[in-house]
N, C-alpha and C. Protein backbone atom coordinates (compact mmCIF):
# COMPACT_ATOMS: atom_id res chain seq x y z
N MET A 1 -20.07 16.17 15.53
CA MET A 1 -19.32 15.62 15.87
C MET A 1 -18.23 15.32 15.44
N GLY A 2 -18.27 16.16 13.82
CA GLY A 2 -16.44 16.28 12.66
C GLY A 2 -15.60 18.35 12.80
N ASN A 3 -16.31 18.49 13.43
CA ASN A 3 -16.70 20.50 13.57
C ASN A 3 -16.97 20.55 15.59
N THR A 4 -16.44 18.99 15.90
CA THR A 4 -16.44 19.43 17.72
C THR A 4 -15.22 19.72 18.14
N LEU A 5 -14.23 18.64 17.30
CA LEU A 5 -12.83 18.76 17.56
C LEU A 5 -11.87 19.89 17.54
N PRO A 6 -11.48 20.45 17.90
CA PRO A 6 -10.51 21.92 18.20
C PRO A 6 -9.42 21.72 16.68
N LEU A 7 -9.34 22.98 16.19
CA LEU A 7 -8.65 22.98 15.66
C LEU A 7 -6.68 23.12 15.62
N ALA A 8 -7.08 23.22 17.41
CA ALA A 8 -5.74 23.19 17.78
C ALA A 8 -5.39 21.96 17.79
N VAL A 9 -5.68 21.30 18.39
CA VAL A 9 -5.35 19.50 18.73
C VAL A 9 -5.05 18.95 16.73
N GLY A 10 -5.72 19.24 16.47
CA GLY A 10 -5.08 19.10 14.83
C GLY A 10 -4.28 20.04 14.11
N THR A 11 -3.52 20.37 15.23
CA THR A 11 -2.77 21.70 14.41
C THR A 11 -1.54 20.85 14.85
N LEU A 12 -1.40 20.58 16.66
CA LEU A 12 -0.70 20.63 17.44
C LEU A 12 -0.02 19.23 17.07
N ASP A 13 -1.18 17.92 16.81
CA ASP A 13 -0.87 16.76 15.87
C ASP A 13 0.73 16.90 15.23
N LEU A 14 -0.05 17.72 13.87
CA LEU A 14 0.76 18.25 13.14
C LEU A 14 2.55 18.58 13.45
N VAL A 15 2.29 19.69 14.28
CA VAL A 15 3.48 20.23 14.55
C VAL A 15 4.47 19.44 15.01
N TRP A 16 4.02 19.21 16.26
CA TRP A 16 4.75 17.98 17.47
C TRP A 16 5.13 16.73 16.18
N GLU A 17 4.16 16.16 15.12
CA GLU A 17 5.11 15.64 14.16
C GLU A 17 6.30 15.76 13.75
N GLY A 18 5.76 16.84 12.64
CA GLY A 18 6.82 17.50 11.59
C GLY A 18 8.32 17.71 13.12
N ILE A 19 7.92 18.32 14.49
CA ILE A 19 9.29 18.59 14.67
C ILE A 19 9.84 16.72 15.14
N THR A 20 9.13 15.70 15.24
CA THR A 20 9.92 14.63 15.39
C THR A 20 10.37 14.49 14.54
N GLN A 21 9.58 14.91 13.09
CA GLN A 21 10.55 14.08 11.91
C GLN A 21 11.81 14.32 11.30
N GLY A 22 12.09 15.81 11.55
CA GLY A 22 12.48 16.93 11.52
C GLY A 22 14.19 16.40 12.37
N ILE A 23 13.82 15.92 14.15
CA ILE A 23 14.89 15.58 15.10
C ILE A 23 15.09 14.11 14.17
N ILE A 24 14.44 13.35 13.85
CA ILE A 24 14.55 11.89 12.86
C ILE A 24 15.73 12.13 11.62
N THR A 25 14.85 12.99 11.18
CA THR A 25 15.74 13.04 9.73
C THR A 25 17.30 13.90 9.74
N VAL A 26 17.02 14.97 10.73
CA VAL A 26 18.31 15.09 10.54
C VAL A 26 19.62 14.40 11.30
N GLY A 27 18.76 13.85 12.55
CA GLY A 27 20.40 12.69 13.06
C GLY A 27 21.09 11.41 12.41
N TRP A 28 19.37 11.19 11.50
CA TRP A 28 20.46 9.85 10.85
C TRP A 28 21.38 11.00 9.17
N LEU A 29 21.05 11.44 9.07
CA LEU A 29 21.71 12.86 7.86
C LEU A 29 22.87 12.51 8.52
N VAL A 30 23.33 12.96 9.50
CA VAL A 30 25.01 12.96 9.95
C VAL A 30 24.77 12.02 10.81
N ALA A 31 24.35 10.78 10.83
CA ALA A 31 25.00 9.81 11.07
C ALA A 31 26.00 8.97 9.36
N VAL A 32 24.52 9.17 9.06
CA VAL A 32 24.94 8.41 7.44
C VAL A 32 25.85 9.73 6.93
N THR A 33 26.19 10.33 7.15
CA THR A 33 27.41 11.24 5.88
C THR A 33 28.45 10.66 6.73
N SER A 34 28.38 11.11 7.70
CA SER A 34 29.73 10.77 8.83
C SER A 34 30.78 9.70 8.03
N THR A 35 29.23 8.83 8.43
CA THR A 35 30.46 7.19 8.51
C THR A 35 30.40 7.23 6.99
N MET A 36 29.87 7.55 6.10
CA MET A 36 30.41 7.08 4.84
C MET A 36 31.35 7.27 3.48
N PRO A 37 31.80 6.79 3.44
CA PRO A 37 33.02 7.46 1.90
C PRO A 37 32.12 8.32 0.87
N ASP A 38 32.85 9.80 0.65
CA ASP A 38 32.72 10.77 -0.40
C ASP A 38 31.33 10.36 -1.26
N GLU A 39 32.06 9.57 -1.75
CA GLU A 39 31.53 8.83 -3.22
C GLU A 39 29.82 7.99 -3.08
N MET A 40 29.92 7.88 -1.69
CA MET A 40 28.73 7.21 -2.04
C MET A 40 27.58 7.47 -0.90
N VAL A 41 27.16 9.39 -0.54
CA VAL A 41 26.52 9.55 -0.44
C VAL A 41 25.46 10.53 -0.57
N ALA A 42 25.99 10.77 -1.92
CA ALA A 42 24.53 11.21 -2.59
C ALA A 42 23.61 10.21 -3.14
N PRO A 43 24.22 9.06 -3.66
CA PRO A 43 23.42 7.79 -3.58
C PRO A 43 22.33 6.98 -2.33
N ALA A 44 23.75 7.50 -1.16
CA ALA A 44 23.27 7.13 0.20
C ALA A 44 21.75 7.63 0.53
N MET A 45 21.87 9.54 0.22
CA MET A 45 20.47 10.08 0.11
C MET A 45 19.87 9.76 -0.13
N THR A 46 20.18 9.93 -1.25
CA THR A 46 18.80 9.35 -2.76
C THR A 46 18.08 8.46 -2.41
N MET A 47 18.85 7.08 -1.74
CA MET A 47 18.13 5.72 -1.38
C MET A 47 16.94 6.10 -0.37
N TYR A 48 17.43 7.02 0.42
CA TYR A 48 16.79 6.76 1.84
C TYR A 48 15.96 8.32 1.37
N MET A 49 15.33 9.37 0.51
CA MET A 49 14.39 9.85 0.52
C MET A 49 13.73 9.13 -0.48
N LEU A 50 14.27 8.47 -0.56
CA LEU A 50 13.19 7.93 -2.08
C LEU A 50 12.67 6.78 -0.95
N PHE A 51 13.07 5.66 -0.07
CA PHE A 51 12.35 4.97 0.97
C PHE A 51 11.56 5.46 0.89
N ARG A 52 11.94 6.77 2.78
CA ARG A 52 10.94 7.85 3.38
C ARG A 52 9.52 8.09 2.83
N ASN A 53 10.26 8.81 1.45
CA ASN A 53 8.53 9.57 0.39
C ASN A 53 7.70 8.15 0.07
N ILE A 54 8.71 6.70 -0.28
CA ILE A 54 7.92 5.75 -0.71
C ILE A 54 7.04 5.59 0.30
N GLY A 55 7.91 5.19 1.57
CA GLY A 55 7.22 4.93 3.14
C GLY A 55 5.88 5.82 3.77
N TYR A 56 5.27 6.96 2.96
CA TYR A 56 4.28 7.84 3.54
C TYR A 56 3.70 7.74 2.81
N THR A 57 3.92 7.53 1.18
CA THR A 57 2.97 7.04 0.60
C THR A 57 2.04 5.83 0.27
N VAL A 58 2.63 4.65 0.33
CA VAL A 58 1.93 4.25 0.90
C VAL A 58 1.58 3.43 2.29
N GLY A 59 1.93 3.65 3.01
CA GLY A 59 1.16 4.38 4.54
C GLY A 59 0.28 4.86 4.41
N VAL A 60 0.34 5.75 4.29
CA VAL A 60 -1.54 6.63 3.67
C VAL A 60 -1.78 6.13 3.24
N ALA A 61 -2.00 4.99 1.78
CA ALA A 61 -2.78 4.88 1.26
C ALA A 61 -3.39 3.06 1.80
N LEU A 62 -1.87 2.50 2.52
CA LEU A 62 -2.90 1.62 2.99
C LEU A 62 -3.17 1.31 4.69
N ALA A 63 -3.41 2.94 4.80
CA ALA A 63 -4.02 3.14 5.83
C ALA A 63 -5.58 3.77 6.10
N SER A 64 -5.51 4.20 4.86
CA SER A 64 -7.23 5.42 4.53
C SER A 64 -7.37 3.94 4.03
N SER A 65 -7.40 3.20 3.14
CA SER A 65 -8.06 1.91 2.69
C SER A 65 -8.83 1.10 3.79
N ILE A 66 -7.19 0.73 4.32
CA ILE A 66 -7.89 -0.08 5.66
C ILE A 66 -9.46 0.63 6.36
N SER A 67 -8.98 1.68 6.70
CA SER A 67 -10.19 2.41 7.45
C SER A 67 -11.13 2.90 7.27
N GLN A 68 -11.12 3.01 5.70
CA GLN A 68 -12.29 3.15 4.52
C GLN A 68 -12.88 1.91 4.90
N SER A 69 -12.55 0.57 4.68
CA SER A 69 -13.21 -0.65 3.92
C SER A 69 -13.57 -1.03 5.24
N ILE A 70 -13.36 -1.50 6.09
CA ILE A 70 -13.75 -0.44 7.68
C ILE A 70 -14.53 0.12 7.96
N LEU A 71 -14.56 0.68 7.49
CA LEU A 71 -15.98 1.58 8.26
C LEU A 71 -17.22 1.16 7.59
N LYS A 72 -16.88 1.15 5.33
CA LYS A 72 -17.80 1.19 5.18
C LYS A 72 -19.04 -0.33 6.07
N ASP A 73 -17.94 -1.61 5.65
CA ASP A 73 -18.04 -3.22 6.70
C ASP A 73 -19.42 -2.49 7.55
N LEU A 74 -18.38 -1.31 8.76
CA LEU A 74 -19.49 -1.16 9.86
C LEU A 74 -20.46 -0.78 9.71
N LEU A 75 -20.72 0.66 9.02
CA LEU A 75 -21.94 1.34 8.88
C LEU A 75 -22.64 0.57 7.90
N THR A 76 -22.44 -0.52 7.32
CA THR A 76 -23.19 -0.91 6.41
C THR A 76 -24.16 -2.52 7.43
N ASP A 77 -23.02 -3.34 8.26
CA ASP A 77 -24.03 -3.42 9.30
C ASP A 77 -25.06 -3.02 10.34
N ARG A 78 -24.34 -1.89 11.13
CA ARG A 78 -24.47 -1.30 11.42
C ARG A 78 -26.43 -0.38 11.12
N ILE A 79 -25.89 0.16 10.20
CA ILE A 79 -27.07 1.01 10.20
C ILE A 79 -27.97 0.48 9.74
N GLN A 80 -29.57 0.27 9.68
CA GLN A 80 -30.41 -0.34 9.36
C GLN A 80 -31.52 0.43 8.90
N GLY A 81 -32.44 -0.01 7.63
CA GLY A 81 -32.90 1.38 6.88
C GLY A 81 -32.62 0.46 5.75
N PRO A 82 -34.25 1.29 5.29
CA PRO A 82 -33.92 1.40 3.40
C PRO A 82 -32.80 2.31 2.42
N ASP A 83 -32.47 3.33 3.54
CA ASP A 83 -31.43 3.94 3.01
C ASP A 83 -30.18 3.53 3.69
N ALA A 84 -30.20 2.92 4.05
CA ALA A 84 -29.15 2.49 4.99
C ALA A 84 -27.91 2.67 3.96
N ALA A 85 -27.46 2.29 2.58
CA ALA A 85 -26.36 2.25 1.83
C ALA A 85 -26.13 3.83 1.57
N GLU A 86 -26.71 3.69 1.44
CA GLU A 86 -26.89 6.08 0.57
C GLU A 86 -26.12 6.58 1.76
N ILE A 87 -26.88 6.55 3.40
CA ILE A 87 -26.19 7.09 4.31
C ILE A 87 -24.88 6.45 4.66
N ALA A 88 -24.22 5.31 4.68
CA ALA A 88 -23.04 4.70 4.76
C ALA A 88 -22.62 5.33 3.44
N GLU A 89 -22.85 5.66 2.37
CA GLU A 89 -21.69 6.60 1.56
C GLU A 89 -21.44 7.87 1.50
N PHE A 90 -22.76 8.13 2.33
CA PHE A 90 -23.34 10.36 2.44
C PHE A 90 -21.68 9.85 3.56
N ILE A 91 -21.85 9.61 4.11
CA ILE A 91 -20.74 9.20 5.63
C ILE A 91 -19.50 9.31 5.01
N ARG A 92 -19.20 7.92 4.67
CA ARG A 92 -17.63 7.92 4.46
C ARG A 92 -17.21 8.99 3.23
N THR A 93 -18.11 9.58 2.49
CA THR A 93 -17.54 10.91 1.53
C THR A 93 -18.08 11.91 2.61
N SER A 94 -18.30 12.06 3.14
CA SER A 94 -18.73 14.31 4.21
C SER A 94 -18.48 13.44 5.23
N ILE A 95 -17.21 12.79 5.61
CA ILE A 95 -16.90 12.99 7.34
C ILE A 95 -17.64 14.06 8.26
N ARG A 96 -17.34 15.00 7.71
CA ARG A 96 -17.26 16.57 8.22
C ARG A 96 -18.99 16.97 8.32
N LYS A 97 -19.83 16.29 7.49
CA LYS A 97 -20.66 16.79 7.24
C LYS A 97 -22.27 15.71 8.35
N VAL A 98 -21.96 14.86 9.45
CA VAL A 98 -21.81 14.11 9.95
C VAL A 98 -23.13 14.58 11.21
N ASP A 99 -22.88 16.10 11.05
CA ASP A 99 -23.58 16.94 12.25
C ASP A 99 -24.76 16.68 11.96
N THR A 100 -24.94 16.90 10.95
CA THR A 100 -26.18 16.98 10.34
C THR A 100 -27.11 15.54 9.85
N LEU A 101 -26.73 15.25 10.53
CA LEU A 101 -26.98 13.20 10.99
C LEU A 101 -28.25 13.40 11.56
N SER A 102 -28.99 12.14 12.85
CA SER A 102 -29.43 12.28 13.46
C SER A 102 -28.41 11.84 14.86
N PRO A 103 -29.18 12.22 15.75
CA PRO A 103 -27.72 11.74 17.58
C PRO A 103 -27.12 10.18 17.40
N ASP A 104 -28.65 8.84 16.91
CA ASP A 104 -28.34 7.73 16.55
C ASP A 104 -27.36 7.75 15.65
N ILE A 105 -28.14 8.15 14.81
CA ILE A 105 -26.59 8.09 13.54
C ILE A 105 -24.92 8.59 13.81
N GLN A 106 -24.86 10.10 14.36
CA GLN A 106 -24.28 10.71 14.59
C GLN A 106 -23.03 9.01 15.24
N GLN A 107 -23.79 8.93 17.34
CA GLN A 107 -23.46 7.39 17.56
C GLN A 107 -22.41 6.35 16.61
N ILE A 108 -23.56 5.91 15.94
CA ILE A 108 -22.74 4.80 15.32
C ILE A 108 -21.39 5.13 14.75
N VAL A 109 -21.36 6.50 13.81
CA VAL A 109 -20.54 6.28 13.24
C VAL A 109 -19.01 6.85 14.02
N ALA A 110 -19.83 7.05 15.16
CA ALA A 110 -18.20 7.95 16.05
C ALA A 110 -17.61 5.92 16.20
N GLU A 111 -18.27 5.30 17.06
CA GLU A 111 -18.08 4.13 17.23
C GLU A 111 -17.69 3.50 16.05
N SER A 112 -17.67 3.08 15.01
CA SER A 112 -17.21 2.61 13.85
C SER A 112 -15.87 3.56 13.55
N LEU A 113 -15.72 4.65 13.46
CA LEU A 113 -14.66 5.25 12.62
C LEU A 113 -13.81 5.01 14.16
N SER A 114 -13.57 5.18 15.23
CA SER A 114 -13.13 4.43 16.32
C SER A 114 -12.24 3.58 16.11
N THR A 115 -13.24 1.94 15.52
CA THR A 115 -13.05 0.79 15.34
C THR A 115 -11.69 1.43 14.51
N ALA A 116 -12.15 1.27 12.96
CA ALA A 116 -11.44 1.61 11.75
C ALA A 116 -10.18 2.40 11.90
N LEU A 117 -10.32 3.93 13.35
CA LEU A 117 -8.74 3.53 12.99
C LEU A 117 -8.84 2.78 13.72
N GLN A 118 -8.31 2.06 15.32
CA GLN A 118 -7.78 0.93 15.82
C GLN A 118 -6.98 0.24 15.00
N LYS A 119 -7.84 0.04 13.98
CA LYS A 119 -7.74 -1.86 13.32
C LYS A 119 -6.27 -0.97 12.18
N ALA A 120 -6.76 0.36 11.61
CA ALA A 120 -5.30 0.82 11.50
C ALA A 120 -3.77 1.73 11.93
N SER A 121 -4.62 1.76 13.08
CA SER A 121 -3.42 1.87 13.74
C SER A 121 -2.18 1.09 14.08
N LEU A 122 -3.25 -0.47 14.29
CA LEU A 122 -2.52 -1.95 14.11
C LEU A 122 -1.26 -2.52 12.91
N LEU A 123 -1.67 -1.53 11.92
CA LEU A 123 -0.46 -2.29 10.30
C LEU A 123 0.23 -1.19 10.97
N ILE A 124 0.05 0.14 11.28
CA ILE A 124 0.94 1.11 11.65
C ILE A 124 1.81 0.63 12.54
N ILE A 125 1.39 0.31 13.40
CA ILE A 125 2.61 -0.05 14.62
C ILE A 125 3.43 -1.33 14.37
N VAL A 126 2.80 -2.55 13.31
CA VAL A 126 3.75 -3.40 13.25
C VAL A 126 4.40 -3.58 12.54
N CYS A 127 4.24 -2.06 10.92
CA CYS A 127 4.98 -1.44 10.08
C CYS A 127 6.49 -1.45 10.97
N LEU A 128 5.96 -0.34 12.18
CA LEU A 128 6.85 0.03 12.26
C LEU A 128 8.12 -0.56 13.41
N ILE A 129 7.24 -1.82 13.57
CA ILE A 129 8.07 -2.74 14.52
C ILE A 129 9.63 -3.67 13.92
N CYS A 130 8.43 -3.77 12.36
CA CYS A 130 9.61 -4.49 11.15
C CYS A 130 10.68 -3.33 10.68
N THR A 131 9.71 -1.99 10.78
CA THR A 131 11.34 -1.23 10.57
C THR A 131 11.73 -1.01 11.26
N ALA A 132 12.08 -0.86 12.64
CA ALA A 132 12.73 -0.58 13.12
C ALA A 132 13.94 -1.95 13.67
N ALA A 133 13.32 -3.41 13.69
CA ALA A 133 14.02 -4.53 13.63
C ALA A 133 14.93 -4.76 13.09
N LEU A 134 13.72 -4.41 11.13
CA LEU A 134 15.06 -3.96 10.13
C LEU A 134 16.46 -3.06 10.18
N ALA A 135 15.96 -1.71 11.00
CA ALA A 135 17.07 -0.91 10.88
C ALA A 135 18.63 -1.70 11.92
N PHE A 136 17.82 -2.56 13.02
CA PHE A 136 18.76 -2.19 13.96
C PHE A 136 19.24 -3.56 13.75
N SER A 137 19.12 -4.06 13.04
CA SER A 137 19.87 -5.46 12.02
C SER A 137 21.12 -5.25 12.04
N LEU A 138 21.06 -3.67 11.10
CA LEU A 138 22.02 -3.58 10.33
C LEU A 138 23.18 -2.12 10.66
N LYS A 139 23.30 -2.26 11.74
CA LYS A 139 23.77 -1.26 12.83
C LYS A 139 25.50 -1.80 12.76
N ASN A 140 26.32 -2.42 12.50
CA ASN A 140 27.74 -2.98 12.36
C ASN A 140 27.71 -3.32 10.89
N VAL A 141 27.34 -3.04 9.90
CA VAL A 141 27.20 -3.11 8.89
C VAL A 141 28.62 -2.34 8.18
N ASN A 142 29.63 -2.46 7.25
CA ASN A 142 30.68 -1.94 7.05
C ASN A 142 30.43 -0.86 5.78
N LEU A 143 30.70 0.63 6.02
CA LEU A 143 29.82 1.12 4.61
C LEU A 143 31.34 1.63 3.72
N LYS A 144 32.58 1.58 4.66
CA LYS A 144 33.54 1.88 3.94
C LYS A 144 34.23 1.27 3.44
N GLY A 145 33.78 -0.06 2.87
CA GLY A 145 33.87 -1.00 1.95
C GLY A 145 35.27 -2.00 2.98
N PRO A 146 35.78 -2.54 1.70
CA PRO A 146 37.04 -3.56 2.59
C PRO A 146 38.31 -3.38 3.26
N SER A 147 38.18 -3.19 4.20
CA SER A 147 39.96 -2.32 4.39
C SER A 147 41.21 -3.22 4.47
């Protein structure tokens, strides 16, 4: 399972993320710097980068925590036997070595991991919607101060 995904798929995902982030970041930076007074540009860029980096860090931590928690619960429920807890821990800590386990366990892992990632993706979608709603509500803010 872990070794059958082509490297090109993972690489293309990372390239796509980099391109889209580059497009979004450049557009936002140009828009912000062209609409703000010069003395506010540096603090605004600092705040932008701060929140962007906090979002990356917290987003990855939350998605990983949710995925791991759900994966642990699902594996514990679905894998039976006297050494089920050890197998579940092995899977969670050595996901790339799942192909060394029996095909039945590999199928359980694939289904459990799929479910866990789907639920973590829901969190990401909810956060994206909330962030977009907040950003769109700020479209008519006067950044130049009183005129």
